[in-house]
């Protein structure tokens, strides 16, 4: 299993219209085939400079690659991620 995670900070203030638009668009990623256990998370630790997180699971690396190449994912990255995200850290894990 592959666990794909990304933690990020938006260019826009918490509670802003842009935050709502971005998080709504991000939540739609859950509908892409092969995505499992999708979560949209809000960071609560004062130790982190990031404010949000996304987490999802895939049964295999092949499934993860299908997601990465899916038109809805690439459109999200080009439209929302590129325009709204100030900084991020992506981590992908394999269970052992």
PDB file of N, CA and C in Angstrom:
ATOM      1  N   UNK A   1       0.845  -1.186   0.000  1.00  0.00           N
ATOM      2  CA  UNK A   1       0.000   0.000   0.000  1.00  0.00           C
ATOM      3  C   UNK A   1       0.885   1.242   0.000  1.00  0.00           C
ATOM      4  N   UNK A   2       0.438   2.253  -0.703  1.00  0.00           N
ATOM      5  CA  UNK A   2       1.101   3.556  -0.766  1.00  0.00           C
ATOM      6  C   UNK A   2       0.233   4.576  -0.031  1.00  0.00           C
ATOM      7  N   UNK A   3       0.834   5.321   0.879  1.00  0.00           N
ATOM      8  CA  UNK A   3       0.145   6.434   1.545  1.00  0.00           C
ATOM      9  C   UNK A   3       0.768   7.722   1.009  1.00  0.00           C
ATOM     10  N   UNK A   4      -0.058   8.491   0.322  1.00  0.00           N
ATOM     11  CA  UNK A   4       0.365   9.766  -0.266  1.00  0.00           C
ATOM     12  C   UNK A   4      -0.099  10.876   0.659  1.00  0.00           C
ATOM     13  N   UNK A   5       0.837  11.715   1.097  1.00  0.00           N
ATOM     14  CA  UNK A   5       0.493  12.823   1.983  1.00  0.00           C
ATOM     15  C   UNK A   5       1.139  14.102   1.475  1.00  0.00           C
ATOM     16  N   UNK A   6       0.464  15.179   1.718  1.00  0.00           N
ATOM     17  CA  UNK A   6       1.030  16.496   1.415  1.00  0.00           C
ATOM     18  C   UNK A   6       0.523  17.465   2.477  1.00  0.00           C
ATOM     19  N   UNK A   7       1.424  18.237   3.006  1.00  0.00           N
ATOM     20  CA  UNK A   7       1.066  19.284   3.958  1.00  0.00           C
ATOM     21  C   UNK A   7       1.427  20.611   3.303  1.00  0.00           C
ATOM     22  N   UNK A   8       0.616  21.624   3.530  1.00  0.00           N
ATOM     23  CA  UNK A   8       0.802  22.849   2.760  1.00  0.00           C
ATOM     24  C   UNK A   8       0.278  24.086   3.470  1.00  0.00           C
ATOM     25  N   UNK A   9       0.704  25.227   2.944  1.00  0.00           N
ATOM     26  CA  UNK A   9       0.255  26.538   3.401  1.00  0.00           C
ATOM     27  C   UNK A   9      -0.292  27.259   2.179  1.00  0.00           C
ATOM     28  N   UNK A  10      -1.456  27.854   2.318  1.00  0.00           N
ATOM     29  CA  UNK A  10      -2.043  28.624   1.235  1.00  0.00           C
ATOM     30  C   UNK A  10      -1.518  30.055   1.220  1.00  0.00           C
ATOM     31  N   UNK A  11      -1.622  30.694   0.083  1.00  0.00           N
ATOM     32  CA  UNK A  11      -1.259  32.105  -0.061  1.00  0.00           C
ATOM     33  C   UNK A  11      -2.301  33.015   0.589  1.00  0.00           C
ATOM     34  N   UNK A  12      -3.447  32.437   0.924  1.00  0.00           N
ATOM     35  CA  UNK A  12      -4.597  33.215   1.392  1.00  0.00           C
ATOM     36  C   UNK A  12      -4.904  32.926   2.853  1.00  0.00           C
ATOM     37  N   UNK A  13      -5.555  33.846   3.510  1.00  0.00           N
ATOM     38  CA  UNK A  13      -5.855  33.756   4.932  1.00  0.00           C
ATOM     39  C   UNK A  13      -6.854  32.649   5.240  1.00  0.00           C
ATOM     40  N   UNK A  14      -6.728  32.096   6.426  1.00  0.00           N
ATOM     41  CA  UNK A  14      -7.716  31.137   6.915  1.00  0.00           C
ATOM     42  C   UNK A  14      -9.065  31.843   6.986  1.00  0.00           C
ATOM     43  N   UNK A  15     -10.096  31.142   6.555  1.00  0.00           N
ATOM     44  CA  UNK A  15     -11.433  31.712   6.557  1.00  0.00           C
ATOM     45  C   UNK A  15     -11.768  32.537   5.318  1.00  0.00           C
ATOM     46  N   UNK A  16     -10.803  32.689   4.428  1.00  0.00           N
ATOM     47  CA  UNK A  16     -11.041  33.488   3.223  1.00  0.00           C
ATOM     48  C   UNK A  16     -11.855  32.704   2.198  1.00  0.00           C
ATOM     49  N   UNK A  17     -12.412  33.419   1.256  1.00  0.00           N
ATOM     50  CA  UNK A  17     -13.148  32.783   0.158  1.00  0.00           C
ATOM     51  C   UNK A  17     -12.223  31.868  -0.649  1.00  0.00           C
ATOM     52  N   UNK A  18     -10.984  32.287  -0.831  1.00  0.00           N
ATOM     53  CA  UNK A  18     -10.016  31.475  -1.574  1.00  0.00           C
ATOM     54  C   UNK A  18      -9.724  30.157  -0.869  1.00  0.00           C
ATOM     55  N   UNK A  19      -9.649  30.207   0.466  1.00  0.00           N
ATOM     56  CA  UNK A  19      -9.452  28.966   1.231  1.00  0.00           C
ATOM     57  C   UNK A  19     -10.613  28.007   0.959  1.00  0.00           C
ATOM     58  N   UNK A  20     -11.828  28.511   1.029  1.00  0.00           N
ATOM     59  CA  UNK A  20     -13.014  27.682   0.793  1.00  0.00           C
ATOM     60  C   UNK A  20     -12.994  27.086  -0.613  1.00  0.00           C
ATOM     61  N   UNK A  21     -12.673  27.888  -1.592  1.00  0.00           N
ATOM     62  CA  UNK A  21     -12.620  27.418  -2.980  1.00  0.00           C
ATOM     63  C   UNK A  21     -11.573  26.312  -3.132  1.00  0.00           C
ATOM     64  N   UNK A  22     -10.397  26.547  -2.586  1.00  0.00           N
ATOM     65  CA  UNK A  22      -9.322  25.563  -2.710  1.00  0.00           C
ATOM     66  C   UNK A  22      -9.688  24.247  -2.028  1.00  0.00           C
ATOM     67  N   UNK A  23     -10.147  24.317  -0.780  1.00  0.00           N
ATOM     68  CA  UNK A  23     -10.448  23.093  -0.030  1.00  0.00           C
ATOM     69  C   UNK A  23     -11.602  22.315  -0.656  1.00  0.00           C
ATOM     70  N   UNK A  24     -12.563  23.008  -1.224  1.00  0.00           N
ATOM     71  CA  UNK A  24     -13.657  22.335  -1.928  1.00  0.00           C
ATOM     72  C   UNK A  24     -13.119  21.603  -3.159  1.00  0.00           C
ATOM     73  N   UNK A  25     -12.255  22.261  -3.913  1.00  0.00           N
ATOM     74  CA  UNK A  25     -11.653  21.622  -5.094  1.00  0.00           C
ATOM     75  C   UNK A  25     -10.785  20.439  -4.686  1.00  0.00           C
ATOM     76  N   UNK A  26     -10.038  20.578  -3.607  1.00  0.00           N
ATOM     77  CA  UNK A  26      -9.190  19.482  -3.131  1.00  0.00           C
ATOM     78  C   UNK A  26     -10.033  18.278  -2.725  1.00  0.00           C
ATOM     79  N   UNK A  27     -11.158  18.518  -2.079  1.00  0.00           N
ATOM     80  CA  UNK A  27     -12.026  17.420  -1.635  1.00  0.00           C
ATOM     81  C   UNK A  27     -12.559  16.609  -2.812  1.00  0.00           C
ATOM     82  N   UNK A  28     -12.669  17.221  -3.969  1.00  0.00           N
ATOM     83  CA  UNK A  28     -13.163  16.510  -5.144  1.00  0.00           C
ATOM     84  C   UNK A  28     -12.174  15.471  -5.666  1.00  0.00           C
ATOM     85  N   UNK A  29     -10.919  15.548  -5.223  1.00  0.00           N
ATOM     86  CA  UNK A  29      -9.925  14.545  -5.619  1.00  0.00           C
ATOM     87  C   UNK A  29     -10.301  13.148  -5.138  1.00  0.00           C
ATOM     88  N   UNK A  30     -11.126  13.071  -4.091  1.00  0.00           N
ATOM     89  CA  UNK A  30     -11.534  11.772  -3.542  1.00  0.00           C
ATOM     90  C   UNK A  30     -12.314  10.933  -4.553  1.00  0.00           C
ATOM     91  N   UNK A  31     -12.892  11.579  -5.558  1.00  0.00           N
ATOM     92  CA  UNK A  31     -13.704  10.869  -6.547  1.00  0.00           C
ATOM     93  C   UNK A  31     -12.873  10.230  -7.662  1.00  0.00           C
ATOM     94  N   UNK A  32     -11.587  10.532  -7.694  1.00  0.00           N
ATOM     95  CA  UNK A  32     -10.738   9.939  -8.732  1.00  0.00           C
ATOM     96  C   UNK A  32     -10.601   8.442  -8.452  1.00  0.00           C
ATOM     97  N   UNK A  33     -10.781   7.612  -9.476  1.00  0.00           N
ATOM     98  CA  UNK A  33     -10.681   6.168  -9.268  1.00  0.00           C
ATOM     99  C   UNK A  33      -9.356   5.764  -8.622  1.00  0.00           C
ATOM    100  N   UNK A  34      -9.432   4.768  -7.767  1.00  0.00           N
ATOM    101  CA  UNK A  34      -8.309   4.142  -7.066  1.00  0.00           C
ATOM    102  C   UNK A  34      -7.867   4.886  -5.812  1.00  0.00           C
ATOM    103  N   UNK A  35      -8.431   6.059  -5.541  1.00  0.00           N
ATOM    104  CA  UNK A  35      -8.137   6.785  -4.305  1.00  0.00           C
ATOM    105  C   UNK A  35      -8.914   6.136  -3.170  1.00  0.00           C
ATOM    106  N   UNK A  36      -8.213   5.852  -2.075  1.00  0.00           N
ATOM    107  CA  UNK A  36      -8.854   5.275  -0.893  1.00  0.00           C
ATOM    108  C   UNK A  36      -8.516   6.112   0.333  1.00  0.00           C
ATOM    109  N   UNK A  37      -9.417   6.130   1.288  1.00  0.00           N
ATOM    110  CA  UNK A  37      -9.190   6.772   2.591  1.00  0.00           C
ATOM    111  C   UNK A  37      -8.738   8.233   2.462  1.00  0.00           C
ATOM    112  N   UNK A  38      -9.366   8.962   1.564  1.00  0.00           N
ATOM    113  CA  UNK A  38      -9.022  10.367   1.356  1.00  0.00           C
ATOM    114  C   UNK A  38      -9.376  11.178   2.598  1.00  0.00           C
ATOM    115  N   UNK A  39      -8.462  12.048   3.000  1.00  0.00           N
ATOM    116  CA  UNK A  39      -8.717  12.950   4.121  1.00  0.00           C
ATOM    117  C   UNK A  39      -8.173  14.336   3.799  1.00  0.00           C
ATOM    118  N   UNK A  40      -8.944  15.344   4.144  1.00  0.00           N
ATOM    119  CA  UNK A  40      -8.512  16.736   4.069  1.00  0.00           C
ATOM    120  C   UNK A  40      -8.387  17.186   5.528  1.00  0.00           C
ATOM    121  N   UNK A  41      -7.203  17.656   5.909  1.00  0.00           N
ATOM    122  CA  UNK A  41      -6.888  17.863   7.321  1.00  0.00           C
ATOM    123  C   UNK A  41      -6.478  19.311   7.597  1.00  0.00           C
ATOM    124  N   UNK A  42      -6.758  19.758   8.813  1.00  0.00           N
ATOM    125  CA  UNK A  42      -6.328  21.083   9.255  1.00  0.00           C
ATOM    126  C   UNK A  42      -5.250  20.879  10.322  1.00  0.00           C
ATOM    127  N   UNK A  43      -4.111  21.493  10.122  1.00  0.00           N
ATOM    128  CA  UNK A  43      -2.982  21.395  11.050  1.00  0.00           C
ATOM    129  C   UNK A  43      -3.308  22.148  12.335  1.00  0.00           C
ATOM    130  N   UNK A  44      -3.035  21.531  13.484  1.00  0.00           N
ATOM    131  CA  UNK A  44      -3.317  22.195  14.754  1.00  0.00           C
ATOM    132  C   UNK A  44      -2.064  22.394  15.608  1.00  0.00           C
ATOM    133  N   UNK A  45      -0.941  21.855  15.178  1.00  0.00           N
ATOM    134  CA  UNK A  45       0.288  21.971  15.964  1.00  0.00           C
ATOM    135  C   UNK A  45       0.952  23.328  15.748  1.00  0.00           C
ATOM    136  N   UNK A  46       1.337  23.999  16.838  1.00  0.00           N
ATOM    137  CA  UNK A  46       2.073  25.258  16.685  1.00  0.00           C
ATOM    138  C   UNK A  46       3.516  25.035  16.219  1.00  0.00           C
ATOM    139  N   UNK A  47       3.944  23.785  16.149  1.00  0.00           N
ATOM    140  CA  UNK A  47       5.306  23.452  15.727  1.00  0.00           C
ATOM    141  C   UNK A  47       5.473  23.438  14.213  1.00  0.00           C
ATOM    142  N   UNK A  48       4.376  23.526  13.481  1.00  0.00           N
ATOM    143  CA  UNK A  48       4.429  23.433  12.020  1.00  0.00           C
ATOM    144  C   UNK A  48       4.126  24.774  11.365  1.00  0.00           C
ATOM    145  N   UNK A  49       4.805  25.038  10.267  1.00  0.00           N
ATOM    146  CA  UNK A  49       4.522  26.238   9.480  1.00  0.00           C
ATOM    147  C   UNK A  49       3.426  26.001   8.450  1.00  0.00           C
ATOM    148  N   UNK A  50       2.974  24.753   8.325  1.00  0.00           N
ATOM    149  CA  UNK A  50       1.921  24.421   7.374  1.00  0.00           C
ATOM    150  C   UNK A  50       0.569  24.440   8.069  1.00  0.00           C
ATOM    151  N   UNK A  51      -0.489  24.682   7.295  1.00  0.00           N
ATOM    152  CA  UNK A  51      -1.829  24.823   7.872  1.00  0.00           C
ATOM    153  C   UNK A  51      -2.788  23.686   7.548  1.00  0.00           C
ATOM    154  N   UNK A  52      -2.516  22.940   6.471  1.00  0.00           N
ATOM    155  CA  UNK A  52      -3.456  21.927   5.988  1.00  0.00           C
ATOM    156  C   UNK A  52      -2.711  20.680   5.549  1.00  0.00           C
ATOM    157  N   UNK A  53      -3.456  19.606   5.395  1.00  0.00           N
ATOM    158  CA  UNK A  53      -2.877  18.390   4.862  1.00  0.00           C
ATOM    159  C   UNK A  53      -3.895  17.620   4.049  1.00  0.00           C
ATOM    160  N   UNK A  54      -3.393  16.846   3.112  1.00  0.00           N
ATOM    161  CA  UNK A  54      -4.199  15.887   2.359  1.00  0.00           C
ATOM    162  C   UNK A  54      -3.531  14.539   2.527  1.00  0.00           C
ATOM    163  N   UNK A  55      -4.334  13.511   2.694  1.00  0.00           N
ATOM    164  CA  UNK A  55      -3.812  12.164   2.834  1.00  0.00           C
ATOM    165  C   UNK A  55      -4.727  11.210   2.087  1.00  0.00           C
ATOM    166  N   UNK A  56      -4.127  10.247   1.409  1.00  0.00           N
ATOM    167  CA  UNK A  56      -4.910   9.225   0.700  1.00  0.00           C
ATOM    168  C   UNK A  56      -4.055   7.986   0.516  1.00  0.00           C
ATOM    169  N   UNK A  57      -4.724   6.876   0.303  1.00  0.00           N
ATOM    170  CA  UNK A  57      -4.048   5.596   0.138  1.00  0.00           C
ATOM    171  C   UNK A  57      -4.305   5.028  -1.244  1.00  0.00           C
ATOM    172  N   UNK A  58      -3.357   4.209  -1.684  1.00  0.00           N
ATOM    173  CA  UNK A  58      -3.457   3.500  -2.958  1.00  0.00           C
ATOM    174  C   UNK A  58      -2.990   2.064  -2.731  1.00  0.00           C
ATOM    175  N   UNK A  59      -3.636   1.137  -3.400  1.00  0.00           N
ATOM    176  CA  UNK A  59      -3.279  -0.271  -3.237  1.00  0.00           C
ATOM    177  C   UNK A  59      -1.900  -0.597  -3.799  1.00  0.00           C
ATOM    178  N   UNK A  60      -1.455   0.163  -4.781  1.00  0.00           N
ATOM    179  CA  UNK A  60      -0.183  -0.140  -5.440  1.00  0.00           C
ATOM    180  C   UNK A  60       0.412   1.132  -6.031  1.00  0.00           C
ATOM    181  N   UNK A  61       1.655   1.031  -6.432  1.00  0.00           N
ATOM    182  CA  UNK A  61       2.312   2.142  -7.104  1.00  0.00           C
ATOM    183  C   UNK A  61       1.629   2.421  -8.443  1.00  0.00           C
ATOM    184  N   UNK A  62       1.155   1.386  -9.086  1.00  0.00           N
ATOM    185  CA  UNK A  62       0.413   1.561 -10.341  1.00  0.00           C
ATOM    186  C   UNK A  62      -0.829   2.424 -10.106  1.00  0.00           C
ATOM    187  N   UNK A  63      -1.568   2.142  -9.047  1.00  0.00           N
ATOM    188  CA  UNK A  63      -2.757   2.938  -8.726  1.00  0.00           C
ATOM    189  C   UNK A  63      -2.385   4.384  -8.430  1.00  0.00           C
ATOM    190  N   UNK A  64      -1.292   4.576  -7.720  1.00  0.00           N
ATOM    191  CA  UNK A  64      -0.824   5.932  -7.419  1.00  0.00           C
ATOM    192  C   UNK A  64      -0.486   6.682  -8.708  1.00  0.00           C
ATOM    193  N   UNK A  65       0.177   6.010  -9.628  1.00  0.00           N
ATOM    194  CA  UNK A  65       0.533   6.635 -10.906  1.00  0.00           C
ATOM    195  C   UNK A  65      -0.696   6.964 -11.746  1.00  0.00           C
ATOM    196  N   UNK A  66      -1.713   6.110 -11.696  1.00  0.00           N
ATOM    197  CA  UNK A  66      -2.979   6.397 -12.390  1.00  0.00           C
ATOM    198  C   UNK A  66      -3.575   7.691 -11.835  1.00  0.00           C
ATOM    199  N   UNK A  67      -3.569   7.837 -10.527  1.00  0.00           N
ATOM    200  CA  UNK A  67      -4.061   9.055  -9.884  1.00  0.00           C
ATOM    201  C   UNK A  67      -3.259  10.278 -10.341  1.00  0.00           C
ATOM    202  N   UNK A  68      -1.945  10.175 -10.290  1.00  0.00           N
ATOM    203  CA  UNK A  68      -1.084  11.310 -10.655  1.00  0.00           C
ATOM    204  C   UNK A  68      -1.322  11.774 -12.086  1.00  0.00           C
ATOM    205  N   UNK A  69      -1.592  10.828 -12.977  1.00  0.00           N
ATOM    206  CA  UNK A  69      -1.786  11.143 -14.390  1.00  0.00           C
ATOM    207  C   UNK A  69      -3.243  11.431 -14.759  1.00  0.00           C
ATOM    208  N   UNK A  70      -4.141  11.263 -13.820  1.00  0.00           N
ATOM    209  CA  UNK A  70      -5.573  11.442 -14.100  1.00  0.00           C
ATOM    210  C   UNK A  70      -5.851  12.906 -14.476  1.00  0.00           C
ATOM    211  N   UNK A  71      -6.679  13.146 -15.493  1.00  0.00           N
ATOM    212  CA  UNK A  71      -6.969  14.523 -15.929  1.00  0.00           C
ATOM    213  C   UNK A  71      -7.518  15.433 -14.830  1.00  0.00           C
ATOM    214  N   UNK A  72      -8.314  14.897 -13.923  1.00  0.00           N
ATOM    215  CA  UNK A  72      -8.851  15.729 -12.841  1.00  0.00           C
ATOM    216  C   UNK A  72      -7.735  16.149 -11.873  1.00  0.00           C
ATOM    217  N   UNK A  73      -6.799  15.256 -11.632  1.00  0.00           N
ATOM    218  CA  UNK A  73      -5.675  15.597 -10.755  1.00  0.00           C
ATOM    219  C   UNK A  73      -4.765  16.633 -11.417  1.00  0.00           C
ATOM    220  N   UNK A  74      -4.424  16.413 -12.670  1.00  0.00           N
ATOM    221  CA  UNK A  74      -3.536  17.368 -13.351  1.00  0.00           C
ATOM    222  C   UNK A  74      -4.212  18.734 -13.494  1.00  0.00           C
ATOM    223  N   UNK A  75      -5.518  18.758 -13.690  1.00  0.00           N
ATOM    224  CA  UNK A  75      -6.241  20.033 -13.760  1.00  0.00           C
ATOM    225  C   UNK A  75      -6.227  20.734 -12.396  1.00  0.00           C
ATOM    226  N   UNK A  76      -6.417  19.976 -11.325  1.00  0.00           N
ATOM    227  CA  UNK A  76      -6.364  20.542  -9.974  1.00  0.00           C
ATOM    228  C   UNK A  76      -4.988  21.153  -9.711  1.00  0.00           C
ATOM    229  N   UNK A  77      -3.940  20.424 -10.042  1.00  0.00           N
ATOM    230  CA  UNK A  77      -2.578  20.921  -9.817  1.00  0.00           C
ATOM    231  C   UNK A  77      -2.336  22.194 -10.620  1.00  0.00           C
ATOM    232  N   UNK A  78      -2.722  22.195 -11.881  1.00  0.00           N
ATOM    233  CA  UNK A  78      -2.490  23.359 -12.730  1.00  0.00           C
ATOM    234  C   UNK A  78      -3.312  24.571 -12.356  1.00  0.00           C
ATOM    235  N   UNK A  79      -4.528  24.344 -11.915  1.00  0.00           N
ATOM    236  CA  UNK A  79      -5.438  25.446 -11.612  1.00  0.00           C
ATOM    237  C   UNK A  79      -5.332  25.917 -10.166  1.00  0.00           C
ATOM    238  N   UNK A  80      -5.479  24.984  -9.239  1.00  0.00           N
ATOM    239  CA  UNK A  80      -5.560  25.358  -7.827  1.00  0.00           C
ATOM    240  C   UNK A  80      -4.209  25.296  -7.124  1.00  0.00           C
ATOM    241  N   UNK A  81      -3.528  24.167  -7.250  1.00  0.00           N
ATOM    242  CA  UNK A  81      -2.275  24.014  -6.517  1.00  0.00           C
ATOM    243  C   UNK A  81      -1.292  25.109  -6.906  1.00  0.00           C
ATOM    244  N   UNK A  82      -1.087  25.288  -8.184  1.00  0.00           N
ATOM    245  CA  UNK A  82      -0.118  26.278  -8.660  1.00  0.00           C
ATOM    246  C   UNK A  82      -0.510  27.702  -8.268  1.00  0.00           C
ATOM    247  N   UNK A  83      -1.806  27.980  -8.214  1.00  0.00           N
ATOM    248  CA  UNK A  83      -2.256  29.341  -7.948  1.00  0.00           C
ATOM    249  C   UNK A  83      -2.511  29.681  -6.492  1.00  0.00           C
ATOM    250  N   UNK A  84      -2.744  28.666  -5.657  1.00  0.00           N
ATOM    251  CA  UNK A  84      -3.179  28.935  -4.288  1.00  0.00           C
ATOM    252  C   UNK A  84      -2.155  28.550  -3.218  1.00  0.00           C
ATOM    253  N   UNK A  85      -1.245  27.645  -3.528  1.00  0.00           N
ATOM    254  CA  UNK A  85      -0.341  27.094  -2.507  1.00  0.00           C
ATOM    255  C   UNK A  85       0.952  27.905  -2.441  1.00  0.00           C
ATOM    256  N   UNK A  86       1.284  28.328  -1.235  1.00  0.00           N
ATOM    257  CA  UNK A  86       2.503  29.095  -1.002  1.00  0.00           C
ATOM    258  C   UNK A  86       3.710  28.184  -0.793  1.00  0.00           C
ATOM    259  N   UNK A  87       3.525  27.108  -0.008  1.00  0.00           N
ATOM    260  CA  UNK A  87       4.617  26.191   0.311  1.00  0.00           C
ATOM    261  C   UNK A  87       4.015  24.831   0.654  1.00  0.00           C
ATOM    262  N   UNK A  88       4.799  23.765   0.424  1.00  0.00           N
ATOM    263  CA  UNK A  88       4.281  22.433   0.732  1.00  0.00           C
ATOM    264  C   UNK A  88       5.419  21.441   0.941  1.00  0.00           C
ATOM    265  N   UNK A  89       5.049  20.318   1.516  1.00  0.00           N
ATOM    266  CA  UNK A  89       5.944  19.186   1.685  1.00  0.00           C
ATOM    267  C   UNK A  89       5.149  17.938   1.335  1.00  0.00           C
ATOM    268  N   UNK A  90       5.630  17.185   0.374  1.00  0.00           N
ATOM    269  CA  UNK A  90       4.958  15.957  -0.057  1.00  0.00           C
ATOM    270  C   UNK A  90       5.767  14.765   0.436  1.00  0.00           C
ATOM    271  N   UNK A  91       5.084  13.812   1.050  1.00  0.00           N
ATOM    272  CA  UNK A  91       5.703  12.572   1.514  1.00  0.00           C
ATOM    273  C   UNK A  91       4.842  11.407   1.070  1.00  0.00           C
ATOM    274  N   UNK A  92       5.484  10.413   0.520  1.00  0.00           N
ATOM    275  CA  UNK A  92       4.797   9.199   0.081  1.00  0.00           C
ATOM    276  C   UNK A  92       5.450   8.023   0.787  1.00  0.00           C
ATOM    277  N   UNK A  93       4.613   7.199   1.390  1.00  0.00           N
ATOM    278  CA  UNK A  93       5.103   6.093   2.206  1.00  0.00           C
ATOM    279  C   UNK A  93       4.633   4.766   1.637  1.00  0.00           C
ATOM    280  N   UNK A  94       5.446   3.758   1.832  1.00  0.00           N
ATOM    281  CA  UNK A  94       5.070   2.388   1.525  1.00  0.00           C
ATOM    282  C   UNK A  94       5.068   1.611   2.826  1.00  0.00           C
ATOM    283  N   UNK A  95       4.001   0.904   3.102  1.00  0.00           N
ATOM    284  CA  UNK A  95       3.944   0.088   4.315  1.00  0.00           C
ATOM    285  C   UNK A  95       4.904  -1.072   4.192  1.00  0.00           C
ATOM    286  N   UNK A  96       5.544  -1.403   5.299  1.00  0.00           N
ATOM    287  CA  UNK A  96       6.439  -2.556   5.282  1.00  0.00           C
ATOM    288  C   UNK A  96       6.179  -3.425   6.480  1.00  0.00           C
TER     289      UNK A  96
END
